[in-house]
């Protein structure tokens, strides 16, 4: 029973295809694009995580490919104007 629950949970895990780490002094934030299906650009969401683990969904798209990429770039550009330095590890 436990194995079935674990296997089901693992298959439901979303795919992170883009991740960026942004720093401002000692503060660190993560911006991730999470895709619900491997190989598909939608549905997707942009997640923002603080160093304490607090996570917030900033944007979501059900069918519009490219939306999450555009919104994450715009968000990081805004962070950069406020002194943050962001580095991505696009996959």
PDB file of N, CA and C in Angstrom:
ATOM      1  N   UNK A   1       0.822  -1.196   0.000  1.00  0.00           N
ATOM      2  CA  UNK A   1       0.000   0.000   0.000  1.00  0.00           C
ATOM      3  C   UNK A   1       0.865   1.259   0.000  1.00  0.00           C
ATOM      4  N   UNK A   2       1.879   1.290   0.894  1.00  0.00           N
ATOM      5  CA  UNK A   2       2.761   2.455   0.957  1.00  0.00           C
ATOM      6  C   UNK A   2       3.531   2.656  -0.337  1.00  0.00           C
ATOM      7  N   UNK A   3       3.931   1.545  -0.979  1.00  0.00           N
ATOM      8  CA  UNK A   3       4.650   1.654  -2.248  1.00  0.00           C
ATOM      9  C   UNK A   3       3.755   2.258  -3.318  1.00  0.00           C
ATOM     10  N   UNK A   4       2.487   1.880  -3.330  1.00  0.00           N
ATOM     11  CA  UNK A   4       1.551   2.417  -4.311  1.00  0.00           C
ATOM     12  C   UNK A   4       1.365   3.914  -4.112  1.00  0.00           C
ATOM     13  N   UNK A   5       1.237   4.348  -2.875  1.00  0.00           N
ATOM     14  CA  UNK A   5       1.082   5.770  -2.578  1.00  0.00           C
ATOM     15  C   UNK A   5       2.327   6.528  -3.024  1.00  0.00           C
ATOM     16  N   UNK A   6       3.502   6.001  -2.728  1.00  0.00           N
ATOM     17  CA  UNK A   6       4.749   6.643  -3.120  1.00  0.00           C
ATOM     18  C   UNK A   6       4.873   6.720  -4.632  1.00  0.00           C
ATOM     19  N   UNK A   7       4.569   5.644  -5.334  1.00  0.00           N
ATOM     20  CA  UNK A   7       4.663   5.645  -6.794  1.00  0.00           C
ATOM     21  C   UNK A   7       3.685   6.641  -7.399  1.00  0.00           C
ATOM     22  N   UNK A   8       2.484   6.724  -6.856  1.00  0.00           N
ATOM     23  CA  UNK A   8       1.500   7.685  -7.347  1.00  0.00           C
ATOM     24  C   UNK A   8       1.990   9.104  -7.124  1.00  0.00           C
ATOM     25  N   UNK A   9       2.541   9.373  -5.962  1.00  0.00           N
ATOM     26  CA  UNK A   9       3.050  10.710  -5.659  1.00  0.00           C
ATOM     27  C   UNK A   9       4.197  11.079  -6.590  1.00  0.00           C
ATOM     28  N   UNK A  10       5.079  10.149  -6.871  1.00  0.00           N
ATOM     29  CA  UNK A  10       6.211  10.433  -7.745  1.00  0.00           C
ATOM     30  C   UNK A  10       5.777  10.727  -9.169  1.00  0.00           C
ATOM     31  N   UNK A  11       4.742  10.068  -9.657  1.00  0.00           N
ATOM     32  CA  UNK A  11       4.290  10.325 -11.022  1.00  0.00           C
ATOM     33  C   UNK A  11       3.555  11.648 -11.125  1.00  0.00           C
ATOM     34  N   UNK A  12       3.093  12.190 -10.013  1.00  0.00           N
ATOM     35  CA  UNK A  12       2.366  13.449 -10.024  1.00  0.00           C
ATOM     36  C   UNK A  12       3.288  14.658  -9.861  1.00  0.00           C
ATOM     37  N   UNK A  13       4.568  14.407  -9.617  1.00  0.00           N
ATOM     38  CA  UNK A  13       5.505  15.510  -9.424  1.00  0.00           C
ATOM     39  C   UNK A  13       5.650  16.279 -10.726  1.00  0.00           C
ATOM     40  N   UNK A  14       5.584  17.583 -10.631  1.00  0.00           N
ATOM     41  CA  UNK A  14       5.730  18.442 -11.797  1.00  0.00           C
ATOM     42  C   UNK A  14       7.195  18.553 -12.189  1.00  0.00           C
ATOM     43  N   UNK A  15       7.424  18.989 -13.408  1.00  0.00           N
ATOM     44  CA  UNK A  15       8.765  19.133 -13.948  1.00  0.00           C
ATOM     45  C   UNK A  15       9.240  20.580 -13.845  1.00  0.00           C
ATOM     46  N   UNK A  16      10.366  20.799 -13.166  1.00  0.00           N
ATOM     47  CA  UNK A  16      10.969  22.132 -13.145  1.00  0.00           C
ATOM     48  C   UNK A  16      11.944  22.180 -14.309  1.00  0.00           C
ATOM     49  N   UNK A  17      11.716  23.082 -15.236  1.00  0.00           N
ATOM     50  CA  UNK A  17      12.534  23.159 -16.436  1.00  0.00           C
ATOM     51  C   UNK A  17      13.395  24.410 -16.458  1.00  0.00           C
ATOM     52  N   UNK A  18      13.134  25.324 -15.570  1.00  0.00           N
ATOM     53  CA  UNK A  18      13.910  26.557 -15.487  1.00  0.00           C
ATOM     54  C   UNK A  18      13.996  26.925 -14.024  1.00  0.00           C
ATOM     55  N   UNK A  19      15.189  27.256 -13.600  1.00  0.00           N
ATOM     56  CA  UNK A  19      15.364  27.703 -12.220  1.00  0.00           C
ATOM     57  C   UNK A  19      16.369  28.844 -12.211  1.00  0.00           C
ATOM     58  N   UNK A  20      16.093  29.836 -11.408  1.00  0.00           N
ATOM     59  CA  UNK A  20      17.018  30.956 -11.243  1.00  0.00           C
ATOM     60  C   UNK A  20      17.179  31.228  -9.761  1.00  0.00           C
ATOM     61  N   UNK A  21      18.393  31.589  -9.392  1.00  0.00           N
ATOM     62  CA  UNK A  21      18.673  31.989  -8.022  1.00  0.00           C
ATOM     63  C   UNK A  21      19.030  33.466  -8.056  1.00  0.00           C
ATOM     64  N   UNK A  22      18.345  34.236  -7.237  1.00  0.00           N
ATOM     65  CA  UNK A  22      18.558  35.684  -7.189  1.00  0.00           C
ATOM     66  C   UNK A  22      19.100  36.063  -5.813  1.00  0.00           C
ATOM     67  N   UNK A  23      20.132  36.907  -5.817  1.00  0.00           N
ATOM     68  CA  UNK A  23      20.772  37.315  -4.563  1.00  0.00           C
ATOM     69  C   UNK A  23      20.808  38.828  -4.458  1.00  0.00           C
ATOM     70  N   UNK A  24      20.629  39.289  -3.223  1.00  0.00           N
ATOM     71  CA  UNK A  24      20.755  40.706  -2.898  1.00  0.00           C
ATOM     72  C   UNK A  24      21.367  40.749  -1.505  1.00  0.00           C
ATOM     73  N   UNK A  25      22.674  40.998  -1.441  1.00  0.00           N
ATOM     74  CA  UNK A  25      23.362  40.895  -0.161  1.00  0.00           C
ATOM     75  C   UNK A  25      23.350  39.450   0.295  1.00  0.00           C
ATOM     76  N   UNK A  26      22.869  39.208   1.513  1.00  0.00           N
ATOM     77  CA  UNK A  26      22.790  37.848   2.041  1.00  0.00           C
ATOM     78  C   UNK A  26      21.457  37.174   1.736  1.00  0.00           C
ATOM     79  N   UNK A  27      20.527  37.912   1.172  1.00  0.00           N
ATOM     80  CA  UNK A  27      19.204  37.361   0.857  1.00  0.00           C
ATOM     81  C   UNK A  27      19.240  36.578  -0.451  1.00  0.00           C
ATOM     82  N   UNK A  28      18.534  35.455  -0.460  1.00  0.00           N
ATOM     83  CA  UNK A  28      18.472  34.597  -1.643  1.00  0.00           C
ATOM     84  C   UNK A  28      17.015  34.263  -1.941  1.00  0.00           C
ATOM     85  N   UNK A  29      16.664  34.314  -3.216  1.00  0.00           N
ATOM     86  CA  UNK A  29      15.324  33.943  -3.675  1.00  0.00           C
ATOM     87  C   UNK A  29      15.467  33.017  -4.873  1.00  0.00           C
ATOM     88  N   UNK A  30      14.488  32.149  -5.068  1.00  0.00           N
ATOM     89  CA  UNK A  30      14.466  31.274  -6.237  1.00  0.00           C
ATOM     90  C   UNK A  30      13.235  31.583  -7.073  1.00  0.00           C
ATOM     91  N   UNK A  31      13.411  31.564  -8.378  1.00  0.00           N
ATOM     92  CA  UNK A  31      12.301  31.706  -9.311  1.00  0.00           C
ATOM     93  C   UNK A  31      12.339  30.465 -10.196  1.00  0.00           C
ATOM     94  N   UNK A  32      11.273  29.679 -10.166  1.00  0.00           N
ATOM     95  CA  UNK A  32      11.205  28.439 -10.936  1.00  0.00           C
ATOM     96  C   UNK A  32       9.996  28.447 -11.855  1.00  0.00           C
ATOM     97  N   UNK A  33      10.165  27.867 -13.037  1.00  0.00           N
ATOM     98  CA  UNK A  33       9.019  27.586 -13.899  1.00  0.00           C
ATOM     99  C   UNK A  33       8.743  26.101 -13.753  1.00  0.00           C
ATOM    100  N   UNK A  34       7.524  25.769 -13.388  1.00  0.00           N
ATOM    101  CA  UNK A  34       7.122  24.386 -13.176  1.00  0.00           C
ATOM    102  C   UNK A  34       6.109  24.005 -14.245  1.00  0.00           C
ATOM    103  N   UNK A  35       6.433  22.952 -14.993  1.00  0.00           N
ATOM    104  CA  UNK A  35       5.533  22.446 -16.027  1.00  0.00           C
ATOM    105  C   UNK A  35       4.822  21.211 -15.500  1.00  0.00           C
ATOM    106  N   UNK A  36       3.533  21.106 -15.776  1.00  0.00           N
ATOM    107  CA  UNK A  36       2.758  19.973 -15.267  1.00  0.00           C
ATOM    108  C   UNK A  36       3.002  18.695 -16.045  1.00  0.00           C
ATOM    109  N   UNK A  37       3.402  18.807 -17.310  1.00  0.00           N
ATOM    110  CA  UNK A  37       3.638  17.618 -18.125  1.00  0.00           C
ATOM    111  C   UNK A  37       4.998  17.730 -18.803  1.00  0.00           C
ATOM    112  N   UNK A  38       5.761  16.658 -18.743  1.00  0.00           N
ATOM    113  CA  UNK A  38       7.080  16.646 -19.353  1.00  0.00           C
ATOM    114  C   UNK A  38       6.975  16.884 -20.857  1.00  0.00           C
ATOM    115  N   UNK A  39       7.817  17.789 -21.357  1.00  0.00           N
ATOM    116  CA  UNK A  39       7.847  18.069 -22.782  1.00  0.00           C
ATOM    117  C   UNK A  39       6.806  19.058 -23.262  1.00  0.00           C
ATOM    118  N   UNK A  40       5.972  19.564 -22.349  1.00  0.00           N
ATOM    119  CA  UNK A  40       4.935  20.532 -22.721  1.00  0.00           C
ATOM    120  C   UNK A  40       5.155  21.825 -21.958  1.00  0.00           C
ATOM    121  N   UNK A  41       4.966  22.965 -22.639  1.00  0.00           N
ATOM    122  CA  UNK A  41       5.187  24.282 -22.037  1.00  0.00           C
ATOM    123  C   UNK A  41       3.948  24.828 -21.329  1.00  0.00           C
ATOM    124  N   UNK A  42       2.860  24.117 -21.383  1.00  0.00           N
ATOM    125  CA  UNK A  42       1.638  24.518 -20.672  1.00  0.00           C
ATOM    126  C   UNK A  42       0.856  23.245 -20.363  1.00  0.00           C
ATOM    127  N   UNK A  43       0.191  23.198 -19.252  1.00  0.00           N
ATOM    128  CA  UNK A  43       0.070  24.184 -18.184  1.00  0.00           C
ATOM    129  C   UNK A  43       1.399  24.367 -17.442  1.00  0.00           C
ATOM    130  N   UNK A  44       1.539  25.561 -16.864  1.00  0.00           N
ATOM    131  CA  UNK A  44       2.771  25.889 -16.147  1.00  0.00           C
ATOM    132  C   UNK A  44       2.477  26.890 -15.037  1.00  0.00           C
ATOM    133  N   UNK A  45       3.470  27.059 -14.172  1.00  0.00           N
ATOM    134  CA  UNK A  45       3.363  28.083 -13.134  1.00  0.00           C
ATOM    135  C   UNK A  45       4.756  28.618 -12.832  1.00  0.00           C
ATOM    136  N   UNK A  46       4.796  29.850 -12.349  1.00  0.00           N
ATOM    137  CA  UNK A  46       6.043  30.477 -11.920  1.00  0.00           C
ATOM    138  C   UNK A  46       5.993  30.539 -10.401  1.00  0.00           C
ATOM    139  N   UNK A  47       6.971  29.908  -9.767  1.00  0.00           N
ATOM    140  CA  UNK A  47       7.043  29.852  -8.307  1.00  0.00           C
ATOM    141  C   UNK A  47       8.181  30.743  -7.810  1.00  0.00           C
ATOM    142  N   UNK A  48       7.941  31.377  -6.678  1.00  0.00           N
ATOM    143  CA  UNK A  48       8.911  32.270  -6.037  1.00  0.00           C
ATOM    144  C   UNK A  48       9.130  31.740  -4.630  1.00  0.00           C
ATOM    145  N   UNK A  49      10.387  31.450  -4.284  1.00  0.00           N
ATOM    146  CA  UNK A  49      10.686  30.865  -2.983  1.00  0.00           C
ATOM    147  C   UNK A  49      11.724  31.701  -2.247  1.00  0.00           C
ATOM    148  N   UNK A  50      11.414  32.025  -0.987  1.00  0.00           N
ATOM    149  CA  UNK A  50      12.354  32.744  -0.123  1.00  0.00           C
ATOM    150  C   UNK A  50      13.257  31.727   0.567  1.00  0.00           C
ATOM    151  N   UNK A  51      14.363  32.221   1.148  1.00  0.00           N
ATOM    152  CA  UNK A  51      15.313  31.301   1.769  1.00  0.00           C
ATOM    153  C   UNK A  51      14.727  30.553   2.963  1.00  0.00           C
ATOM    154  N   UNK A  52      13.662  31.061   3.567  1.00  0.00           N
ATOM    155  CA  UNK A  52      13.034  30.350   4.688  1.00  0.00           C
ATOM    156  C   UNK A  52      12.086  29.252   4.209  1.00  0.00           C
ATOM    157  N   UNK A  53      11.980  29.076   2.877  1.00  0.00           N
ATOM    158  CA  UNK A  53      11.133  28.033   2.313  1.00  0.00           C
ATOM    159  C   UNK A  53       9.739  28.492   1.945  1.00  0.00           C
ATOM    160  N   UNK A  54       9.392  29.730   2.276  1.00  0.00           N
ATOM    161  CA  UNK A  54       8.083  30.265   1.914  1.00  0.00           C
ATOM    162  C   UNK A  54       7.975  30.323   0.399  1.00  0.00           C
ATOM    163  N   UNK A  55       6.950  29.662  -0.139  1.00  0.00           N
ATOM    164  CA  UNK A  55       6.767  29.600  -1.592  1.00  0.00           C
ATOM    165  C   UNK A  55       5.466  30.278  -1.995  1.00  0.00           C
ATOM    166  N   UNK A  56       5.520  30.980  -3.110  1.00  0.00           N
ATOM    167  CA  UNK A  56       4.348  31.677  -3.620  1.00  0.00           C
ATOM    168  C   UNK A  56       4.258  31.423  -5.124  1.00  0.00           C
ATOM    169  N   UNK A  57       3.054  31.154  -5.609  1.00  0.00           N
ATOM    170  CA  UNK A  57       2.842  31.037  -7.046  1.00  0.00           C
ATOM    171  C   UNK A  57       2.532  32.425  -7.572  1.00  0.00           C
ATOM    172  N   UNK A  58       3.391  32.919  -8.471  1.00  0.00           N
ATOM    173  CA  UNK A  58       3.235  34.267  -9.003  1.00  0.00           C
ATOM    174  C   UNK A  58       2.332  34.312 -10.227  1.00  0.00           C
ATOM    175  N   UNK A  59       2.496  33.338 -11.125  1.00  0.00           N
ATOM    176  CA  UNK A  59       1.752  33.321 -12.381  1.00  0.00           C
ATOM    177  C   UNK A  59       1.433  31.882 -12.761  1.00  0.00           C
ATOM    178  N   UNK A  60       0.323  31.695 -13.479  1.00  0.00           N
ATOM    179  CA  UNK A  60      -0.022  30.379 -14.010  1.00  0.00           C
ATOM    180  C   UNK A  60      -0.604  30.531 -15.411  1.00  0.00           C
ATOM    181  N   UNK A  61      -0.457  29.475 -16.191  1.00  0.00           N
ATOM    182  CA  UNK A  61      -1.062  29.432 -17.525  1.00  0.00           C
ATOM    183  C   UNK A  61      -1.587  28.026 -17.755  1.00  0.00           C
ATOM    184  N   UNK A  62      -2.789  27.931 -18.287  1.00  0.00           N
ATOM    185  CA  UNK A  62      -3.376  26.619 -18.567  1.00  0.00           C
ATOM    186  C   UNK A  62      -3.038  26.129 -19.966  1.00  0.00           C
ATOM    187  N   UNK A  63      -2.995  27.049 -20.940  1.00  0.00           N
ATOM    188  CA  UNK A  63      -2.785  26.615 -22.318  1.00  0.00           C
ATOM    189  C   UNK A  63      -1.810  27.478 -23.109  1.00  0.00           C
ATOM    190  N   UNK A  64      -1.498  28.671 -22.637  1.00  0.00           N
ATOM    191  CA  UNK A  64      -0.676  29.601 -23.416  1.00  0.00           C
ATOM    192  C   UNK A  64       0.811  29.297 -23.257  1.00  0.00           C
ATOM    193  N   UNK A  65       1.401  28.683 -24.277  1.00  0.00           N
ATOM    194  CA  UNK A  65       2.825  28.385 -24.245  1.00  0.00           C
ATOM    195  C   UNK A  65       3.622  29.680 -24.306  1.00  0.00           C
ATOM    196  N   UNK A  66       4.697  29.745 -23.543  1.00  0.00           N
ATOM    197  CA  UNK A  66       5.547  30.923 -23.515  1.00  0.00           C
ATOM    198  C   UNK A  66       5.166  31.935 -22.446  1.00  0.00           C
ATOM    199  N   UNK A  67       3.971  31.805 -21.882  1.00  0.00           N
ATOM    200  CA  UNK A  67       3.496  32.765 -20.885  1.00  0.00           C
ATOM    201  C   UNK A  67       4.380  32.750 -19.634  1.00  0.00           C
ATOM    202  N   UNK A  68       4.656  31.575 -19.107  1.00  0.00           N
ATOM    203  CA  UNK A  68       5.443  31.489 -17.872  1.00  0.00           C
ATOM    204  C   UNK A  68       6.875  31.965 -18.087  1.00  0.00           C
ATOM    205  N   UNK A  69       7.444  31.671 -19.256  1.00  0.00           N
ATOM    206  CA  UNK A  69       8.789  32.139 -19.557  1.00  0.00           C
ATOM    207  C   UNK A  69       8.821  33.668 -19.602  1.00  0.00           C
ATOM    208  N   UNK A  70       7.837  34.247 -20.266  1.00  0.00           N
ATOM    209  CA  UNK A  70       7.754  35.712 -20.379  1.00  0.00           C
ATOM    210  C   UNK A  70       7.588  36.357 -19.002  1.00  0.00           C
ATOM    211  N   UNK A  71       6.659  35.835 -18.203  1.00  0.00           N
ATOM    212  CA  UNK A  71       6.373  36.431 -16.899  1.00  0.00           C
ATOM    213  C   UNK A  71       7.543  36.262 -15.924  1.00  0.00           C
ATOM    214  N   UNK A  72       8.236  35.129 -15.976  1.00  0.00           N
ATOM    215  CA  UNK A  72       9.384  34.948 -15.081  1.00  0.00           C
ATOM    216  C   UNK A  72      10.507  35.911 -15.455  1.00  0.00           C
ATOM    217  N   UNK A  73      10.727  36.123 -16.753  1.00  0.00           N
ATOM    218  CA  UNK A  73      11.743  37.075 -17.205  1.00  0.00           C
ATOM    219  C   UNK A  73      11.392  38.489 -16.770  1.00  0.00           C
ATOM    220  N   UNK A  74      10.132  38.875 -16.945  1.00  0.00           N
ATOM    221  CA  UNK A  74       9.689  40.207 -16.514  1.00  0.00           C
ATOM    222  C   UNK A  74       9.866  40.386 -15.006  1.00  0.00           C
ATOM    223  N   UNK A  75       9.524  39.352 -14.241  1.00  0.00           N
ATOM    224  CA  UNK A  75       9.651  39.423 -12.787  1.00  0.00           C
ATOM    225  C   UNK A  75      11.116  39.569 -12.372  1.00  0.00           C
ATOM    226  N   UNK A  76      12.002  38.779 -12.988  1.00  0.00           N
ATOM    227  CA  UNK A  76      13.424  38.876 -12.642  1.00  0.00           C
ATOM    228  C   UNK A  76      14.013  40.211 -13.090  1.00  0.00           C
ATOM    229  N   UNK A  77      13.560  40.745 -14.206  1.00  0.00           N
ATOM    230  CA  UNK A  77      14.008  42.080 -14.627  1.00  0.00           C
ATOM    231  C   UNK A  77      13.627  43.128 -13.585  1.00  0.00           C
ATOM    232  N   UNK A  78      12.429  42.987 -13.028  1.00  0.00           N
ATOM    233  CA  UNK A  78      11.985  43.907 -11.973  1.00  0.00           C
ATOM    234  C   UNK A  78      12.861  43.751 -10.722  1.00  0.00           C
ATOM    235  N   UNK A  79      13.178  42.499 -10.377  1.00  0.00           N
ATOM    236  CA  UNK A  79      14.056  42.259  -9.228  1.00  0.00           C
ATOM    237  C   UNK A  79      15.420  42.912  -9.453  1.00  0.00           C
ATOM    238  N   UNK A  80      15.942  42.798 -10.676  1.00  0.00           N
ATOM    239  CA  UNK A  80      17.260  43.362 -10.993  1.00  0.00           C
ATOM    240  C   UNK A  80      17.272  44.877 -10.819  1.00  0.00           C
ATOM    241  N   UNK A  81      16.166  45.545 -11.142  1.00  0.00           N
ATOM    242  CA  UNK A  81      16.110  47.003 -10.956  1.00  0.00           C
ATOM    243  C   UNK A  81      16.102  47.370  -9.476  1.00  0.00           C
ATOM    244  N   UNK A  82      15.794  46.397  -8.621  1.00  0.00           N
ATOM    245  CA  UNK A  82      15.796  46.619  -7.173  1.00  0.00           C
ATOM    246  C   UNK A  82      17.059  46.070  -6.506  1.00  0.00           C
ATOM    247  N   UNK A  83      18.101  45.813  -7.310  1.00  0.00           N
ATOM    248  CA  UNK A  83      19.380  45.414  -6.746  1.00  0.00           C
ATOM    249  C   UNK A  83      19.662  43.928  -6.680  1.00  0.00           C
ATOM    250  N   UNK A  84      18.767  43.089  -7.155  1.00  0.00           N
ATOM    251  CA  UNK A  84      18.971  41.645  -7.133  1.00  0.00           C
ATOM    252  C   UNK A  84      19.822  41.232  -8.332  1.00  0.00           C
ATOM    253  N   UNK A  85      20.636  40.196  -8.140  1.00  0.00           N
ATOM    254  CA  UNK A  85      21.419  39.605  -9.223  1.00  0.00           C
ATOM    255  C   UNK A  85      20.907  38.179  -9.397  1.00  0.00           C
ATOM    256  N   UNK A  86      20.415  37.872 -10.598  1.00  0.00           N
ATOM    257  CA  UNK A  86      19.815  36.563 -10.858  1.00  0.00           C
ATOM    258  C   UNK A  86      20.655  35.767 -11.846  1.00  0.00           C
ATOM    259  N   UNK A  87      20.843  34.486 -11.540  1.00  0.00           N
ATOM    260  CA  UNK A  87      21.532  33.557 -12.432  1.00  0.00           C
ATOM    261  C   UNK A  87      20.621  32.370 -12.647  1.00  0.00           C
ATOM    262  N   UNK A  88      20.462  31.976 -13.910  1.00  0.00           N
ATOM    263  CA  UNK A  88      19.568  30.856 -14.207  1.00  0.00           C
ATOM    264  C   UNK A  88      20.356  29.624 -14.604  1.00  0.00           C
ATOM    265  N   UNK A  89      19.705  28.492 -14.466  1.00  0.00           N
ATOM    266  CA  UNK A  89      20.256  27.223 -14.945  1.00  0.00           C
ATOM    267  C   UNK A  89      19.211  26.574 -15.839  1.00  0.00           C
ATOM    268  N   UNK A  90      18.861  27.266 -16.907  1.00  0.00           N
ATOM    269  CA  UNK A  90      17.847  26.768 -17.844  1.00  0.00           C
ATOM    270  C   UNK A  90      18.223  25.373 -18.299  1.00  0.00           C
ATOM    271  N   UNK A  91      17.217  24.495 -18.325  1.00  0.00           N
ATOM    272  CA  UNK A  91      17.457  23.092 -18.681  1.00  0.00           C
ATOM    273  C   UNK A  91      16.875  22.791 -20.030  1.00  0.00           C
TER     274      UNK A  91
END
